Amino acid sequence: MCIRDRGLTPPPPVPLAALPERRRQAVVLHYFQGRKVGEIAALLHCSPGTVKRDLQLARAQLRREMDGFLPAFLPAGLVLSAAGRRAGFRPPPPPHTVPLPAAALAGIAAVGGCVALALLPAPQIDSVRSTPAGGGAQVSVQAEGAGQVWLEQGGRTLPCRPGEGGVFTLSPVAPGPCTAVAAGANGRTVRVDFSVGDGDLSSPVLAESWGENGLVALRLQDPSGVDWGTLSLTGEDGTTLSPCQVDEAAEVAWFDAPAGRYTLSVCDQLGNRGSGPFWVELPQ
């Protein structure tokens, strides 16, 4: 039955067509079909964390598209489903048929929950501090009303650990420009740009090397810690060798490398990369 047949004015439709395809699918599956995050992840072939992120970004985008009037103009589940059909999305059929009254109640509950989320206050970042720690820096973000806090630096997203009193921390963090981002339970985010001035700018140092049982042993040192997964020797013919054994506690790695000239390459835990020539000489 058409809404207009009952003399009611339908609310403006939510612009679902403005959402990217996967976010649109996640919204329809979660709010209109009542599916759980784990089910959606299986249907969309992604992780539950990606589904949660897509739902958060979708809510934020819909609010922008509707000029901040999402709570006032959020339509009922039936109208939202119609908007999804107009956008060209056809969700997969549910595993069983839900009676109409139950489906209507589920739609109303989902809409009410979304409205409640939209009415929650935006998070707020009160302060950001960086102090020397472990050769890098420890960043502490004081945030109110935030469920998650992360740092964005050099194209990477670095999640912070929640603590007491609304303080989120991360260590070690490389020096340089950085952005702290706090997200609230309703998907709203706030950003603060800052600079990490403390930290280690040097790559690992080759402290010593020696021959041992037919292998070449290298001792590497770095105040931030060596990223042993990046350690390699590259020969003049382009062949790259990885360590055959690593003792991180002793800061020693062993290579099964023939005699010759190599290029040693390694990073520390902050991403500071170093490389240089290295010669392997076998005993006469």
C-alpha atoms as a PDB file:
ATOM      1  CA  MET A   1       0.000   0.000   0.000  1.00  0.00           C
ATOM      2  CA  CYS A   2       1.365   3.389  -0.944  1.00  0.00           C
ATOM      3  CA  ILE A   3       2.064   5.808   1.894  1.00  0.00           C
ATOM      4  CA  ARG A   4       0.229   8.617   0.090  1.00  0.00           C
ATOM      5  CA  ASP A   5      -2.958   6.504   0.056  1.00  0.00           C
ATOM      6  CA  ARG A   6      -3.180   7.050   3.791  1.00  0.00           C
ATOM      7  CA  GLY A   7      -2.766  10.799   3.558  1.00  0.00           C
ATOM      8  CA  LEU A   8       0.765  10.837   4.995  1.00  0.00           C
ATOM      9  CA  THR A   9       3.687  12.814   3.582  1.00  0.00           C
ATOM     10  CA  PRO A  10       6.656  10.536   3.030  1.00  0.00           C
ATOM     11  CA  PRO A  11       9.980  11.770   4.428  1.00  0.00           C
ATOM     12  CA  PRO A  12      12.817  12.621   2.039  1.00  0.00           C
ATOM     13  CA  PRO A  13      14.619   9.460   0.930  1.00  0.00           C
ATOM     14  CA  VAL A  14      18.066   8.678   2.277  1.00  0.00           C
ATOM     15  CA  PRO A  15      20.607   9.050  -0.598  1.00  0.00           C
ATOM     16  CA  LEU A  16      21.857   5.464  -0.532  1.00  0.00           C
ATOM     17  CA  ALA A  17      22.964   5.777  -4.151  1.00  0.00           C
ATOM     18  CA  ALA A  18      25.702   8.168  -2.978  1.00  0.00           C
ATOM     19  CA  LEU A  19      27.374   5.357  -1.007  1.00  0.00           C
ATOM     20  CA  PRO A  20      30.069   3.127  -2.537  1.00  0.00           C
ATOM     21  CA  GLU A  21      28.701  -0.313  -3.392  1.00  0.00           C
ATOM     22  CA  ARG A  22      30.148  -2.273  -0.462  1.00  0.00           C
ATOM     23  CA  ARG A  23      29.066   0.338   2.115  1.00  0.00           C
ATOM     24  CA  ARG A  24      25.582   0.415   0.588  1.00  0.00           C
ATOM     25  CA  GLN A  25      25.364  -3.355   0.811  1.00  0.00           C
ATOM     26  CA  ALA A  26      26.548  -3.315   4.437  1.00  0.00           C
ATOM     27  CA  VAL A  27      23.919  -0.690   5.389  1.00  0.00           C
ATOM     28  CA  VAL A  28      21.065  -2.611   3.758  1.00  0.00           C
ATOM     29  CA  LEU A  29      22.132  -5.962   5.196  1.00  0.00           C
ATOM     30  CA  HIS A  30      22.648  -4.579   8.701  1.00  0.00           C
ATOM     31  CA  TYR A  31      19.820  -2.053   9.168  1.00  0.00           C
ATOM     32  CA  PHE A  32      17.142  -3.432   6.831  1.00  0.00           C
ATOM     33  CA  GLN A  33      17.719  -7.180   7.131  1.00  0.00           C
ATOM     34  CA  GLY A  34      19.009  -7.147  10.702  1.00  0.00           C
ATOM     35  CA  ARG A  35      22.025  -9.268   9.872  1.00  0.00           C
ATOM     36  CA  LYS A  36      24.951  -9.413  12.258  1.00  0.00           C
ATOM     37  CA  VAL A  37      28.432  -8.176  11.423  1.00  0.00           C
ATOM     38  CA  GLY A  38      29.811 -11.714  11.112  1.00  0.00           C
ATOM     39  CA  GLU A  39      27.116 -12.715   8.594  1.00  0.00           C
ATOM     40  CA  ILE A  40      27.723  -9.562   6.541  1.00  0.00           C
ATOM     41  CA  ALA A  41      31.468 -10.209   6.507  1.00  0.00           C
ATOM     42  CA  ALA A  42      30.877 -13.713   5.114  1.00  0.00           C
ATOM     43  CA  LEU A  43      28.470 -12.419   2.434  1.00  0.00           C
ATOM     44  CA  LEU A  44      30.754  -9.576   1.336  1.00  0.00           C
ATOM     45  CA  HIS A  45      33.966 -11.646   1.608  1.00  0.00           C
ATOM     46  CA  CYS A  46      35.735  -9.286   4.006  1.00  0.00           C
ATOM     47  CA  SER A  47      36.654  -9.119   7.692  1.00  0.00           C
ATOM     48  CA  PRO A  48      34.219  -8.109  10.482  1.00  0.00           C
ATOM     49  CA  GLY A  49      36.455  -5.112  11.171  1.00  0.00           C
ATOM     50  CA  THR A  50      36.017  -3.940   7.574  1.00  0.00           C
ATOM     51  CA  VAL A  51      32.222  -4.250   7.904  1.00  0.00           C
ATOM     52  CA  LYS A  52      32.231  -2.153  11.083  1.00  0.00           C
ATOM     53  CA  ARG A  53      34.395   0.453   9.380  1.00  0.00           C
ATOM     54  CA  ASP A  54      32.126   0.530   6.307  1.00  0.00           C
ATOM     55  CA  LEU A  55      29.039   1.058   8.481  1.00  0.00           C
ATOM     56  CA  GLN A  56      30.765   3.867  10.358  1.00  0.00           C
ATOM     57  CA  LEU A  57      31.872   5.604   7.155  1.00  0.00           C
ATOM     58  CA  ALA A  58      28.421   5.129   5.595  1.00  0.00           C
ATOM     59  CA  ARG A  59      26.685   6.836   8.530  1.00  0.00           C
ATOM     60  CA  ALA A  60      29.098   9.742   8.353  1.00  0.00           C
ATOM     61  CA  GLN A  61      28.633  10.090   4.571  1.00  0.00           C
ATOM     62  CA  LEU A  62      24.819   9.967   4.809  1.00  0.00           C
ATOM     63  CA  ARG A  63      24.904  12.732   7.395  1.00  0.00           C
ATOM     64  CA  ARG A  64      26.990  14.887   5.025  1.00  0.00           C
ATOM     65  CA  GLU A  65      24.723  14.120   2.082  1.00  0.00           C
ATOM     66  CA  MET A  66      21.663  15.163   4.121  1.00  0.00           C
ATOM     67  CA  ASP A  67      23.311  18.358   5.396  1.00  0.00           C
ATOM     68  CA  GLY A  68      23.307  17.216   9.011  1.00  0.00           C
ATOM     69  CA  PHE A  69      19.560  16.441   9.160  1.00  0.00           C
ATOM     70  CA  LEU A  70      19.833  12.687   9.474  1.00  0.00           C
ATOM     71  CA  PRO A  71      18.034  12.468  12.870  1.00  0.00           C
ATOM     72  CA  ALA A  72      15.090  14.640  11.739  1.00  0.00           C
ATOM     73  CA  PHE A  73      14.558  13.113   8.327  1.00  0.00           C
ATOM     74  CA  LEU A  74      15.549   9.488   8.897  1.00  0.00           C
ATOM     75  CA  PRO A  75      12.689   7.495   7.267  1.00  0.00           C
ATOM     76  CA  ALA A  76      11.155   4.251   8.455  1.00  0.00           C
ATOM     77  CA  GLY A  77      12.558   0.874   7.439  1.00  0.00           C
ATOM     78  CA  LEU A  78      10.050   0.498   4.568  1.00  0.00           C
ATOM     79  CA  VAL A  79      11.104   3.799   2.964  1.00  0.00           C
ATOM     80  CA  LEU A  80      14.800   3.003   3.429  1.00  0.00           C
ATOM     81  CA  SER A  81      14.302  -0.353   1.738  1.00  0.00           C
ATOM     82  CA  ALA A  82      12.573   1.382  -1.156  1.00  0.00           C
ATOM     83  CA  ALA A  83      15.477   3.817  -1.394  1.00  0.00           C
ATOM     84  CA  GLY A  84      17.855   0.872  -1.584  1.00  0.00           C
ATOM     85  CA  ARG A  85      15.821  -0.635  -4.433  1.00  0.00           C
ATOM     86  CA  ARG A  86      15.804   2.689  -6.291  1.00  0.00           C
ATOM     87  CA  ALA A  87      19.594   2.758  -5.934  1.00  0.00           C
ATOM     88  CA  GLY A  88      19.724  -0.528  -7.833  1.00  0.00           C
ATOM     89  CA  PHE A  89      20.841  -2.772  -4.956  1.00  0.00           C
ATOM     90  CA  ARG A  90      19.246  -6.187  -4.542  1.00  0.00           C
ATOM     91  CA  PRO A  91      20.262  -7.768  -1.217  1.00  0.00           C
ATOM     92  CA  PRO A  92      20.551 -11.558  -1.079  1.00  0.00           C
ATOM     93  CA  PRO A  93      17.354 -13.274   0.115  1.00  0.00           C
ATOM     94  CA  PRO A  94      17.139 -13.957   3.846  1.00  0.00           C
ATOM     95  CA  PRO A  95      17.490 -17.581   5.007  1.00  0.00           C
ATOM     96  CA  HIS A  96      13.818 -17.654   6.058  1.00  0.00           C
ATOM     97  CA  THR A  97      10.697 -15.549   5.635  1.00  0.00           C
ATOM     98  CA  VAL A  98      10.011 -13.037   8.409  1.00  0.00           C
ATOM     99  CA  PRO A  99       6.339 -12.205   9.116  1.00  0.00           C
ATOM    100  CA  LEU A 100       5.454  -8.642   8.151  1.00  0.00           C
ATOM    101  CA  PRO A 101       4.737  -7.362  11.704  1.00  0.00           C
ATOM    102  CA  ALA A 102       8.068  -8.703  12.975  1.00  0.00           C
ATOM    103  CA  ALA A 103       9.908  -7.240   9.978  1.00  0.00           C
ATOM    104  CA  ALA A 104       8.264  -3.858  10.579  1.00  0.00           C
ATOM    105  CA  LEU A 105       9.234  -3.902  14.260  1.00  0.00           C
ATOM    106  CA  ALA A 106      12.809  -4.863  13.369  1.00  0.00           C
ATOM    107  CA  GLY A 107      12.990  -1.980  10.898  1.00  0.00           C
ATOM    108  CA  ILE A 108      11.694   0.490  13.463  1.00  0.00           C
ATOM    109  CA  ALA A 109      14.208  -0.772  16.045  1.00  0.00           C
ATOM    110  CA  ALA A 110      17.089  -0.389  13.603  1.00  0.00           C
ATOM    111  CA  VAL A 111      15.971   3.133  12.664  1.00  0.00           C
ATOM    112  CA  GLY A 112      15.577   4.078  16.332  1.00  0.00           C
ATOM    113  CA  GLY A 113      19.052   2.792  17.110  1.00  0.00           C
ATOM    114  CA  CYS A 114      20.532   4.795  14.251  1.00  0.00           C
ATOM    115  CA  VAL A 115      18.748   7.935  15.442  1.00  0.00           C
ATOM    116  CA  ALA A 116      20.108   7.401  18.961  1.00  0.00           C
ATOM    117  CA  LEU A 117      23.620   7.070  17.580  1.00  0.00           C
ATOM    118  CA  ALA A 118      23.244  10.226  15.504  1.00  0.00           C
ATOM    119  CA  LEU A 119      22.157  12.195  18.566  1.00  0.00           C
ATOM    120  CA  LEU A 120      25.240  11.248  20.589  1.00  0.00           C
ATOM    121  CA  PRO A 121      27.748  14.104  21.021  1.00  0.00           C
ATOM    122  CA  ALA A 122      30.803  14.242  18.794  1.00  0.00           C
ATOM    123  CA  PRO A 123      34.106  13.107  20.331  1.00  0.00           C
ATOM    124  CA  GLN A 124      36.613  15.705  21.450  1.00  0.00           C
ATOM    125  CA  ILE A 125      40.423  15.645  21.574  1.00  0.00           C
ATOM    126  CA  ASP A 126      41.588  17.652  24.604  1.00  0.00           C
ATOM    127  CA  SER A 127      45.351  17.189  24.256  1.00  0.00           C
ATOM    128  CA  VAL A 128      48.088  15.327  22.375  1.00  0.00           C
ATOM    129  CA  ARG A 129      51.542  14.749  23.896  1.00  0.00           C
ATOM    130  CA  SER A 130      54.667  12.947  22.688  1.00  0.00           C
ATOM    131  CA  THR A 131      57.491  11.869  24.998  1.00  0.00           C
ATOM    132  CA  PRO A 132      60.702   9.924  24.269  1.00  0.00           C
ATOM    133  CA  ALA A 133      60.197   6.173  24.609  1.00  0.00           C
ATOM    134  CA  GLY A 134      62.125   3.166  23.335  1.00  0.00           C
ATOM    135  CA  GLY A 135      64.178   5.130  20.852  1.00  0.00           C
ATOM    136  CA  GLY A 136      61.038   6.632  19.334  1.00  0.00           C
ATOM    137  CA  ALA A 137      58.217   8.555  20.982  1.00  0.00           C
ATOM    138  CA  GLN A 138      55.129   7.639  22.973  1.00  0.00           C
ATOM    139  CA  VAL A 139      52.060   9.570  21.872  1.00  0.00           C
ATOM    140  CA  SER A 140      49.265  10.109  24.399  1.00  0.00           C
ATOM    141  CA  VAL A 141      45.878  11.380  23.197  1.00  0.00           C
ATOM    142  CA  GLN A 142      43.351  12.638  25.749  1.00  0.00           C
ATOM    143  CA  ALA A 143      39.941  12.199  24.092  1.00  0.00           C
ATOM    144  CA  GLU A 144      36.405  12.505  25.448  1.00  0.00           C
ATOM    145  CA  GLY A 145      33.505  10.509  24.025  1.00  0.00           C
ATOM    146  CA  ALA A 146      35.806   8.458  21.802  1.00  0.00           C
ATOM    147  CA  GLY A 147      35.455   4.740  21.229  1.00  0.00           C
ATOM    148  CA  GLN A 148      38.528   4.524  19.014  1.00  0.00           C
ATOM    149  CA  VAL A 149      41.617   6.675  18.480  1.00  0.00           C
ATOM    150  CA  TRP A 150      44.267   6.191  15.817  1.00  0.00           C
ATOM    151  CA  LEU A 151      47.198   8.073  14.312  1.00  0.00           C
ATOM    152  CA  GLU A 152      47.726   8.736  10.618  1.00  0.00           C
ATOM    153  CA  GLN A 153      51.346   9.126   9.568  1.00  0.00           C
ATOM    154  CA  GLY A 154      53.061   8.625   6.237  1.00  0.00           C
ATOM    155  CA  GLY A 155      49.998   6.972   4.677  1.00  0.00           C
ATOM    156  CA  ARG A 156      49.705   4.462   7.551  1.00  0.00           C
ATOM    157  CA  THR A 157      46.903   4.056  10.099  1.00  0.00           C
ATOM    158  CA  LEU A 158      48.219   3.257  13.587  1.00  0.00           C
ATOM    159  CA  PRO A 159      45.611   2.185  16.196  1.00  0.00           C
ATOM    160  CA  CYS A 160      46.139   3.512  19.745  1.00  0.00           C
ATOM    161  CA  ARG A 161      45.615   1.482  22.906  1.00  0.00           C
ATOM    162  CA  PRO A 162      42.775   2.654  25.182  1.00  0.00           C
ATOM    163  CA  GLY A 163      43.614   3.402  28.812  1.00  0.00           C
ATOM    164  CA  GLU A 164      42.047   4.930  31.881  1.00  0.00           C
ATOM    165  CA  GLY A 165      40.508   8.385  31.917  1.00  0.00           C
ATOM    166  CA  GLY A 166      39.992   8.589  28.158  1.00  0.00           C
ATOM    167  CA  VAL A 167      43.748   8.419  27.405  1.00  0.00           C
ATOM    168  CA  PHE A 168      44.857   6.499  24.294  1.00  0.00           C
ATOM    169  CA  THR A 169      48.560   5.727  23.761  1.00  0.00           C
ATOM    170  CA  LEU A 170      50.888   4.358  21.091  1.00  0.00           C
ATOM    171  CA  SER A 171      54.625   3.626  21.213  1.00  0.00           C
ATOM    172  CA  PRO A 172      57.003   3.828  19.473  1.00  0.00           C
ATOM    173  CA  VAL A 173      56.015   6.482  16.920  1.00  0.00           C
ATOM    174  CA  ALA A 174      58.417   7.888  14.348  1.00  0.00           C
ATOM    175  CA  PRO A 175      59.141  11.627  14.416  1.00  0.00           C
ATOM    176  CA  GLY A 176      57.480  13.901  11.889  1.00  0.00           C
ATOM    177  CA  PRO A 177      54.020  15.235  10.945  1.00  0.00           C
ATOM    178  CA  CYS A 178      51.134  13.221  12.362  1.00  0.00           C
ATOM    179  CA  THR A 179      47.340  13.382  12.745  1.00  0.00           C
ATOM    180  CA  ALA A 180      45.348  12.103  15.721  1.00  0.00           C
ATOM    181  CA  VAL A 181      41.819  10.910  14.850  1.00  0.00           C
ATOM    182  CA  ALA A 182      39.124  10.144  17.441  1.00  0.00           C
ATOM    183  CA  ALA A 183      35.886   8.352  16.488  1.00  0.00           C
ATOM    184  CA  GLY A 184      32.721   8.361  18.588  1.00  0.00           C
ATOM    185  CA  ALA A 185      30.120   5.631  18.930  1.00  0.00           C
ATOM    186  CA  ASN A 186      27.943   7.390  16.331  1.00  0.00           C
ATOM    187  CA  GLY A 187      30.677   7.397  13.688  1.00  0.00           C
ATOM    188  CA  ARG A 188      31.570  11.067  14.064  1.00  0.00           C
ATOM    189  CA  THR A 189      35.283  11.831  13.978  1.00  0.00           C
ATOM    190  CA  VAL A 190      37.522  14.707  14.988  1.00  0.00           C
ATOM    191  CA  ARG A 191      41.098  15.262  13.780  1.00  0.00           C
ATOM    192  CA  VAL A 192      44.064  17.129  15.260  1.00  0.00           C
ATOM    193  CA  ASP A 193      47.336  17.674  13.382  1.00  0.00           C
ATOM    194  CA  PHE A 194      50.545  17.679  15.418  1.00  0.00           C
ATOM    195  CA  SER A 195      54.252  16.938  15.093  1.00  0.00           C
ATOM    196  CA  VAL A 196      56.186  14.155  16.792  1.00  0.00           C
ATOM    197  CA  GLY A 197      59.496  15.782  17.652  1.00  0.00           C
ATOM    198  CA  ASP A 198      61.083  13.095  19.788  1.00  0.00           C
ATOM    199  CA  GLY A 199      62.459   9.866  18.453  1.00  0.00           C
ATOM    200  CA  ASP A 200      65.045   7.845  16.638  1.00  0.00           C
ATOM    201  CA  LEU A 201      66.010   8.964  13.123  1.00  0.00           C
ATOM    202  CA  SER A 202      68.877   6.491  12.632  1.00  0.00           C
ATOM    203  CA  SER A 203      68.855   3.084  10.962  1.00  0.00           C
ATOM    204  CA  PRO A 204      70.266  -0.026  12.701  1.00  0.00           C
ATOM    205  CA  VAL A 205      74.042  -0.218  13.155  1.00  0.00           C
ATOM    206  CA  LEU A 206      76.183  -3.242  12.252  1.00  0.00           C
ATOM    207  CA  ALA A 207      78.107  -3.690  15.505  1.00  0.00           C
ATOM    208  CA  GLU A 208      80.229  -6.685  14.434  1.00  0.00           C
ATOM    209  CA  SER A 209      80.376  -9.723  12.139  1.00  0.00           C
ATOM    210  CA  TRP A 210      82.227 -13.047  12.249  1.00  0.00           C
ATOM    211  CA  GLY A 211      82.321 -16.545  10.797  1.00  0.00           C
ATOM    212  CA  GLU A 212      80.691 -19.347  12.796  1.00  0.00           C
ATOM    213  CA  ASN A 213      80.280 -23.014  11.758  1.00  0.00           C
ATOM    214  CA  GLY A 214      80.386 -22.136   8.064  1.00  0.00           C
ATOM    215  CA  LEU A 215      77.848 -19.307   8.504  1.00  0.00           C
ATOM    216  CA  VAL A 216      78.250 -15.541   8.633  1.00  0.00           C
ATOM    217  CA  ALA A 217      77.015 -13.951  11.871  1.00  0.00           C
ATOM    218  CA  LEU A 218      75.970 -10.282  12.104  1.00  0.00           C
ATOM    219  CA  ARG A 219      75.200  -8.373  15.288  1.00  0.00           C
ATOM    220  CA  LEU A 220      72.872  -5.392  14.692  1.00  0.00           C
ATOM    221  CA  GLN A 221      71.850  -2.754  17.227  1.00  0.00           C
ATOM    222  CA  ASP A 222      69.173  -0.035  17.276  1.00  0.00           C
ATOM    223  CA  PRO A 223      67.516   1.814  20.207  1.00  0.00           C
ATOM    224  CA  SER A 224      64.049   1.306  18.664  1.00  0.00           C
ATOM    225  CA  GLY A 225      64.662  -2.369  17.919  1.00  0.00           C
ATOM    226  CA  VAL A 226      65.666  -4.090  14.684  1.00  0.00           C
ATOM    227  CA  ASP A 227      62.930  -5.209  12.293  1.00  0.00           C
ATOM    228  CA  TRP A 228      64.528  -8.573  11.574  1.00  0.00           C
ATOM    229  CA  GLY A 229      62.030  -9.371   8.844  1.00  0.00           C
ATOM    230  CA  THR A 230      63.590  -6.638   6.672  1.00  0.00           C
ATOM    231  CA  LEU A 231      67.197  -7.863   7.023  1.00  0.00           C
ATOM    232  CA  SER A 232      68.747  -9.131   3.785  1.00  0.00           C
ATOM    233  CA  LEU A 233      71.965  -9.500   1.817  1.00  0.00           C
ATOM    234  CA  THR A 234      71.829  -8.858  -1.944  1.00  0.00           C
ATOM    235  CA  GLY A 235      74.641 -10.172  -4.109  1.00  0.00           C
ATOM    236  CA  GLU A 236      76.144  -8.517  -7.178  1.00  0.00           C
ATOM    237  CA  ASP A 237      74.077 -10.852  -9.385  1.00  0.00           C
ATOM    238  CA  GLY A 238      70.851  -9.594  -7.749  1.00  0.00           C
ATOM    239  CA  THR A 239      70.296 -12.674  -5.593  1.00  0.00           C
ATOM    240  CA  THR A 240      68.773 -11.759  -2.220  1.00  0.00           C
ATOM    241  CA  LEU A 241      69.475 -13.839   0.869  1.00  0.00           C
ATOM    242  CA  SER A 242      67.456 -13.834   4.103  1.00  0.00           C
ATOM    243  CA  PRO A 243      68.864 -14.934   7.471  1.00  0.00           C
ATOM    244  CA  CYS A 244      68.768 -18.692   8.081  1.00  0.00           C
ATOM    245  CA  GLN A 245      68.588 -18.055  11.835  1.00  0.00           C
ATOM    246  CA  VAL A 246      67.872 -15.065  14.094  1.00  0.00           C
ATOM    247  CA  ASP A 247      68.368 -14.636  17.845  1.00  0.00           C
ATOM    248  CA  GLU A 248      66.501 -11.398  18.601  1.00  0.00           C
ATOM    249  CA  ALA A 249      67.494 -11.411  22.281  1.00  0.00           C
ATOM    250  CA  ALA A 250      71.203 -11.551  21.335  1.00  0.00           C
ATOM    251  CA  GLU A 251      70.601  -9.225  18.348  1.00  0.00           C
ATOM    252  CA  VAL A 252      72.406 -11.669  16.053  1.00  0.00           C
ATOM    253  CA  ALA A 253      71.448 -13.088  12.650  1.00  0.00           C
ATOM    254  CA  TRP A 254      73.210 -15.836  10.685  1.00  0.00           C
ATOM    255  CA  PHE A 255      73.496 -16.102   6.883  1.00  0.00           C
ATOM    256  CA  ASP A 256      74.521 -19.026   4.702  1.00  0.00           C
ATOM    257  CA  ALA A 257      76.282 -16.785   2.163  1.00  0.00           C
ATOM    258  CA  PRO A 258      79.053 -17.653  -0.315  1.00  0.00           C
ATOM    259  CA  ALA A 259      82.119 -15.438  -0.468  1.00  0.00           C
ATOM    260  CA  GLY A 260      81.610 -12.203  -2.333  1.00  0.00           C
ATOM    261  CA  ARG A 261      80.412  -8.604  -2.186  1.00  0.00           C
ATOM    262  CA  TYR A 262      76.871  -7.903  -0.928  1.00  0.00           C
ATOM    263  CA  THR A 263      74.584  -5.029  -0.053  1.00  0.00           C
ATOM    264  CA  LEU A 264      73.266  -5.225   3.494  1.00  0.00           C
ATOM    265  CA  SER A 265      69.757  -3.758   3.977  1.00  0.00           C
ATOM    266  CA  VAL A 266      67.691  -3.483   7.180  1.00  0.00           C
ATOM    267  CA  CYS A 267      65.058  -1.323   8.917  1.00  0.00           C
ATOM    268  CA  ASP A 268      64.344  -0.578  12.545  1.00  0.00           C
ATOM    269  CA  GLN A 269      60.882  -0.777  14.150  1.00  0.00           C
ATOM    270  CA  LEU A 270      60.208   2.875  13.213  1.00  0.00           C
ATOM    271  CA  GLY A 271      60.862   2.271   9.518  1.00  0.00           C
ATOM    272  CA  ASN A 272      64.306   3.895   9.381  1.00  0.00           C
ATOM    273  CA  ARG A 273      66.079   1.998   6.613  1.00  0.00           C
ATOM    274  CA  GLY A 274      69.834   1.643   6.159  1.00  0.00           C
ATOM    275  CA  SER A 275      71.949  -0.119   3.558  1.00  0.00           C
ATOM    276  CA  GLY A 276      75.645  -0.450   2.724  1.00  0.00           C
ATOM    277  CA  PRO A 277      78.324  -2.740   1.306  1.00  0.00           C
ATOM    278  CA  PHE A 278      79.201  -5.961   3.092  1.00  0.00           C
ATOM    279  CA  TRP A 279      81.941  -8.451   2.182  1.00  0.00           C
ATOM    280  CA  VAL A 280      81.882 -12.156   2.953  1.00  0.00           C
ATOM    281  CA  GLU A 281      85.361 -13.742   3.066  1.00  0.00           C
ATOM    282  CA  LEU A 282      85.767 -17.444   3.628  1.00  0.00           C
ATOM    283  CA  PRO A 283      88.787 -18.647   5.642  1.00  0.00           C
ATOM    284  CA  GLN A 284      91.717 -19.890   3.559  1.00  0.00           C
END
